[in-house]
Amino acid sequence: MKSKIKISCDEATAICDKNQYGQASLFDKIKLNIHFIRCKFCKLYTKQNTYLTRLLGVYSEDAHCGKEKCFSEKEKEQLQEKVEKKIVS
């Protein structure tokens, strides 16, 4: 049972990505949280990934170019500034 709960960092990041889109199972979430106990890097990755997803979601709601979402140069600069502020603080 222990080997099923213990996951690698690669598996943790994959579960993190799945979780952001609501595709991670309850067992996956449990494994991920157990992994966070011993791995501060994956915990940080998840925090940063969640932040970027939320930030991009806010900007991309209004920015459309045809069927694909895209940003104007001004929006790219604003986004870059927000990311830099978050990294510094």
C-alpha atoms as a PDB file:
ATOM      1  CA  MET A   1       0.000   0.000   0.000  1.00  0.00           C
ATOM      2  CA  LYS A   2       2.857   2.370   0.814  1.00  0.00           C
ATOM      3  CA  SER A   3       4.241   2.213  -2.735  1.00  0.00           C
ATOM      4  CA  LYS A   4       0.865   3.285  -4.134  1.00  0.00           C
ATOM      5  CA  ILE A   5       0.817   6.390  -1.951  1.00  0.00           C
ATOM      6  CA  LYS A   6       4.437   7.463  -2.430  1.00  0.00           C
ATOM      7  CA  ILE A   7       4.811   9.329  -5.737  1.00  0.00           C
ATOM      8  CA  SER A   8       7.664  10.981  -7.591  1.00  0.00           C
ATOM      9  CA  CYS A   9       7.905  14.699  -8.314  1.00  0.00           C
ATOM     10  CA  ASP A  10       6.982  14.032 -11.951  1.00  0.00           C
ATOM     11  CA  GLU A  11       3.806  12.286 -10.861  1.00  0.00           C
ATOM     12  CA  ALA A  12       3.067  15.106  -8.409  1.00  0.00           C
ATOM     13  CA  THR A  13       3.287  17.781 -11.105  1.00  0.00           C
ATOM     14  CA  ALA A  14       1.080  15.703 -13.402  1.00  0.00           C
ATOM     15  CA  ILE A  15      -1.538  15.384 -10.663  1.00  0.00           C
ATOM     16  CA  CYS A  16      -1.247  19.116  -9.980  1.00  0.00           C
ATOM     17  CA  ASP A  17      -1.984  19.863 -13.622  1.00  0.00           C
ATOM     18  CA  LYS A  18      -4.911  17.421 -13.680  1.00  0.00           C
ATOM     19  CA  ASN A  19      -6.271  18.927 -10.480  1.00  0.00           C
ATOM     20  CA  GLN A  20      -6.366  22.412 -11.992  1.00  0.00           C
ATOM     21  CA  TYR A  21      -8.792  21.168 -14.630  1.00  0.00           C
ATOM     22  CA  GLY A  22     -10.887  19.128 -12.193  1.00  0.00           C
ATOM     23  CA  GLN A  23      -9.607  15.800 -13.524  1.00  0.00           C
ATOM     24  CA  ALA A  24      -7.750  14.527 -10.448  1.00  0.00           C
ATOM     25  CA  SER A  25      -9.402  11.827  -8.376  1.00  0.00           C
ATOM     26  CA  LEU A  26      -9.726  12.010  -4.606  1.00  0.00           C
ATOM     27  CA  PHE A  27      -6.960   9.409  -4.258  1.00  0.00           C
ATOM     28  CA  ASP A  28      -4.701  11.511  -6.522  1.00  0.00           C
ATOM     29  CA  LYS A  29      -5.318  14.563  -4.339  1.00  0.00           C
ATOM     30  CA  ILE A  30      -4.487  12.575  -1.198  1.00  0.00           C
ATOM     31  CA  LYS A  31      -1.238  11.314  -2.767  1.00  0.00           C
ATOM     32  CA  LEU A  32      -0.359  14.860  -3.805  1.00  0.00           C
ATOM     33  CA  ASN A  33      -0.905  16.263  -0.321  1.00  0.00           C
ATOM     34  CA  ILE A  34       1.176  13.479   1.214  1.00  0.00           C
ATOM     35  CA  HIS A  35       3.922  14.290  -1.281  1.00  0.00           C
ATOM     36  CA  PHE A  36       3.790  17.962  -0.192  1.00  0.00           C
ATOM     37  CA  ILE A  37       4.784  16.925   3.337  1.00  0.00           C
ATOM     38  CA  ARG A  38       8.228  15.902   2.118  1.00  0.00           C
ATOM     39  CA  CYS A  39       8.664  18.061  -0.992  1.00  0.00           C
ATOM     40  CA  LYS A  40       8.554  21.834  -0.678  1.00  0.00           C
ATOM     41  CA  PHE A  41       9.428  22.278  -4.364  1.00  0.00           C
ATOM     42  CA  CYS A  42       6.299  20.552  -5.634  1.00  0.00           C
ATOM     43  CA  LYS A  43       4.207  22.500  -3.156  1.00  0.00           C
ATOM     44  CA  LEU A  44       5.707  25.729  -4.509  1.00  0.00           C
ATOM     45  CA  TYR A  45       5.152  24.552  -8.111  1.00  0.00           C
ATOM     46  CA  THR A  46       1.483  23.942  -7.340  1.00  0.00           C
ATOM     47  CA  LYS A  47       1.094  27.337  -5.699  1.00  0.00           C
ATOM     48  CA  GLN A  48       2.731  29.139  -8.638  1.00  0.00           C
ATOM     49  CA  ASN A  49       0.814  27.090 -11.202  1.00  0.00           C
ATOM     50  CA  THR A  50      -2.498  27.910  -9.504  1.00  0.00           C
ATOM     51  CA  TYR A  51      -1.605  31.596  -9.390  1.00  0.00           C
ATOM     52  CA  LEU A  52      -0.702  31.712 -13.095  1.00  0.00           C
ATOM     53  CA  THR A  53      -3.836  29.814 -14.081  1.00  0.00           C
ATOM     54  CA  ARG A  54      -6.031  32.269 -12.190  1.00  0.00           C
ATOM     55  CA  LEU A  55      -4.122  35.252 -13.566  1.00  0.00           C
ATOM     56  CA  LEU A  56      -4.333  34.040 -17.158  1.00  0.00           C
ATOM     57  CA  GLY A  57      -7.992  33.152 -16.731  1.00  0.00           C
ATOM     58  CA  VAL A  58      -8.853  36.722 -15.755  1.00  0.00           C
ATOM     59  CA  TYR A  59      -7.004  38.192 -18.710  1.00  0.00           C
ATOM     60  CA  SER A  60      -8.080  35.675 -21.313  1.00  0.00           C
ATOM     61  CA  GLU A  61     -11.836  36.076 -20.727  1.00  0.00           C
ATOM     62  CA  ASP A  62     -11.880  39.292 -22.756  1.00  0.00           C
ATOM     63  CA  ALA A  63      -8.995  38.642 -25.146  1.00  0.00           C
ATOM     64  CA  HIS A  64     -10.081  36.688 -28.223  1.00  0.00           C
ATOM     65  CA  CYS A  65      -8.533  36.484 -31.665  1.00  0.00           C
ATOM     66  CA  GLY A  66     -10.754  34.272 -33.758  1.00  0.00           C
ATOM     67  CA  LYS A  67     -11.195  30.935 -31.986  1.00  0.00           C
ATOM     68  CA  GLU A  68      -7.933  31.117 -30.046  1.00  0.00           C
ATOM     69  CA  LYS A  69      -7.326  33.288 -27.031  1.00  0.00           C
ATOM     70  CA  CYS A  70      -4.528  35.817 -27.347  1.00  0.00           C
ATOM     71  CA  PHE A  71      -3.270  38.972 -25.661  1.00  0.00           C
ATOM     72  CA  SER A  72      -2.530  42.406 -27.010  1.00  0.00           C
ATOM     73  CA  GLU A  73       0.941  43.824 -26.434  1.00  0.00           C
ATOM     74  CA  LYS A  74      -0.423  46.022 -23.633  1.00  0.00           C
ATOM     75  CA  GLU A  75      -2.040  43.033 -21.927  1.00  0.00           C
ATOM     76  CA  LYS A  76       1.205  41.057 -22.217  1.00  0.00           C
ATOM     77  CA  GLU A  77       3.118  43.882 -20.533  1.00  0.00           C
ATOM     78  CA  GLN A  78       0.540  44.146 -17.725  1.00  0.00           C
ATOM     79  CA  LEU A  79       0.665  40.416 -17.195  1.00  0.00           C
ATOM     80  CA  GLN A  80       4.468  40.440 -17.104  1.00  0.00           C
ATOM     81  CA  GLU A  81       4.427  43.208 -14.487  1.00  0.00           C
ATOM     82  CA  LYS A  82       2.020  41.259 -12.265  1.00  0.00           C
ATOM     83  CA  VAL A  83       4.112  38.104 -12.518  1.00  0.00           C
ATOM     84  CA  GLU A  84       7.294  40.005 -11.683  1.00  0.00           C
ATOM     85  CA  LYS A  85       5.638  41.657  -8.674  1.00  0.00           C
ATOM     86  CA  LYS A  86       4.477  38.270  -7.414  1.00  0.00           C
ATOM     87  CA  ILE A  87       7.931  36.698  -7.857  1.00  0.00           C
ATOM     88  CA  VAL A  88       9.642  39.559  -6.004  1.00  0.00           C
ATOM     89  CA  SER A  89       7.162  39.639  -3.097  1.00  0.00           C
END
